């Protein structure tokens, strides 16, 4: 299997079997983004204990890429501090907009989006 097909399978898997979909009561909103061009919406919410993300969920609507990327992001942010999460989100947005790249060693499955 070539790398492109593997990346497509990763995206489809996260879209069809999203990780951490839903909302958290008494949440802290980490990101609330909307793409006005296509209507995709994603909100990341989390519970924080001892300065680290103890539980994280996403909710929203949109295409396979936006929903799969939100699923992947929840996995990437779990256990991080709020500051680490904010930096990861900033760098992720840079990767998605082409301002930064996704290093496969660092980003793992998220590199499939790049």
Protein backbone atom coordinates (compact mmCIF):
# COMPACT_ATOMS: atom_id res chain seq x y z
CA UNK A 1 0.00 0.00 0.00
CA UNK A 2 1.38 3.40 -0.92
CA UNK A 3 1.58 6.31 1.49
CA UNK A 4 -1.25 8.26 -0.15
CA UNK A 5 -3.69 5.34 0.25
CA UNK A 6 -2.59 4.86 3.85
CA UNK A 7 -3.23 8.54 4.56
CA UNK A 8 -6.67 8.32 2.93
CA UNK A 9 -7.52 5.30 5.10
CA UNK A 10 -6.46 7.17 8.26
CA UNK A 11 -8.70 10.13 7.37
CA UNK A 12 -11.66 7.89 6.48
CA UNK A 13 -11.24 5.91 9.70
CA UNK A 14 -11.29 9.06 11.86
CA UNK A 15 -14.29 10.38 9.92
CA UNK A 16 -16.33 7.17 10.21
CA UNK A 17 -15.14 6.32 13.74
CA UNK A 18 -14.44 9.68 15.36
CA UNK A 19 -12.53 9.65 18.60
CA UNK A 20 -13.79 11.84 21.43
CA UNK A 21 -16.90 13.19 19.69
CA UNK A 22 -19.30 15.04 21.98
CA UNK A 23 -19.30 17.81 24.54
CA UNK A 24 -18.08 18.05 28.09
CA UNK A 25 -20.26 19.63 30.77
CA UNK A 26 -18.58 22.63 32.44
CA UNK A 27 -16.06 22.63 29.65
CA UNK A 28 -13.23 24.95 28.86
CA UNK A 29 -13.39 25.89 25.18
CA UNK A 30 -9.97 25.40 23.59
CA UNK A 31 -10.96 26.29 20.03
CA UNK A 32 -14.15 27.30 18.29
CA UNK A 33 -13.57 27.59 14.56
CA UNK A 34 -15.80 28.02 11.53
CA UNK A 35 -14.83 28.09 7.88
CA UNK A 36 -17.19 30.61 6.28
CA UNK A 37 -16.22 29.42 2.80
CA UNK A 38 -17.60 25.89 3.26
CA UNK A 39 -19.58 25.99 6.52
CA UNK A 40 -17.39 23.53 8.47
CA UNK A 41 -17.63 24.06 12.24
CA UNK A 42 -15.51 22.52 14.98
CA UNK A 43 -15.45 23.19 18.70
CA UNK A 44 -12.89 21.58 21.00
CA UNK A 45 -13.86 21.45 24.67
CA UNK A 46 -11.91 20.03 27.56
CA UNK A 47 -11.81 19.41 31.28
CA UNK A 48 -8.60 20.43 32.99
CA UNK A 49 -7.19 18.90 36.16
CA UNK A 50 -3.89 19.87 37.76
CA UNK A 51 -3.15 22.13 34.81
CA UNK A 52 -3.47 19.36 32.19
CA UNK A 53 -6.23 18.32 29.81
CA UNK A 54 -7.86 15.35 31.50
CA UNK A 55 -10.73 14.91 29.04
CA UNK A 56 -11.27 16.38 25.60
CA UNK A 57 -14.10 16.24 23.07
CA UNK A 58 -15.03 17.84 19.78
CA UNK A 59 -18.36 18.71 18.25
CA UNK A 60 -19.22 20.16 14.89
CA UNK A 61 -20.21 19.52 11.34
CA UNK A 62 -18.48 19.50 8.03
CA UNK A 63 -16.54 17.49 5.51
CA UNK A 64 -14.54 14.34 6.18
CA UNK A 65 -11.28 16.28 6.46
CA UNK A 66 -12.57 18.76 9.06
CA UNK A 67 -14.20 16.10 11.20
CA UNK A 68 -11.28 13.66 10.91
CA UNK A 69 -8.81 16.41 11.77
CA UNK A 70 -10.83 17.32 14.88
CA UNK A 71 -10.82 13.66 15.94
CA UNK A 72 -7.05 13.49 15.45
CA UNK A 73 -6.55 16.76 17.31
CA UNK A 74 -8.36 15.50 20.40
CA UNK A 75 -5.91 12.62 20.56
CA UNK A 76 -2.94 14.96 20.10
CA UNK A 77 -4.07 17.35 22.87
CA UNK A 78 -4.99 14.86 25.57
CA UNK A 79 -2.72 15.23 28.59
CA UNK A 80 -1.18 18.54 27.50
CA UNK A 81 -1.19 21.76 29.51
CA UNK A 82 -3.40 24.59 28.23
CA UNK A 83 -0.29 26.42 27.02
CA UNK A 84 0.97 23.32 25.18
CA UNK A 85 -2.50 22.79 23.70
CA UNK A 86 -2.70 26.41 22.49
CA UNK A 87 0.71 26.07 20.83
CA UNK A 88 -0.28 22.75 19.23
CA UNK A 89 -3.55 24.25 17.92
CA UNK A 90 -1.66 27.27 16.52
CA UNK A 91 0.87 25.03 14.77
CA UNK A 92 -1.91 22.73 13.53
CA UNK A 93 -3.75 25.65 11.94
CA UNK A 94 -0.45 26.67 10.35
CA UNK A 95 -0.09 23.17 8.93
CA UNK A 96 -3.63 23.14 7.59
CA UNK A 97 -3.24 26.56 5.95
CA UNK A 98 0.13 25.66 4.47
CA UNK A 99 2.09 28.13 6.59
CA UNK A 100 3.86 25.24 8.34
CA UNK A 101 4.35 21.60 7.47
CA UNK A 102 3.48 18.42 9.35
CA UNK A 103 6.52 16.39 10.37
CA UNK A 104 5.37 12.75 10.42
CA UNK A 105 7.59 11.86 13.41
CA UNK A 106 6.05 14.63 15.50
CA UNK A 107 2.48 14.69 14.18
CA UNK A 108 1.94 10.96 13.54
CA UNK A 109 -1.55 10.44 12.01
CA UNK A 110 -2.11 14.18 11.66
CA UNK A 111 0.63 14.17 8.98
CA UNK A 112 -1.99 12.50 6.74
CA UNK A 113 -3.67 15.91 6.47
CA UNK A 114 -0.60 17.69 5.10
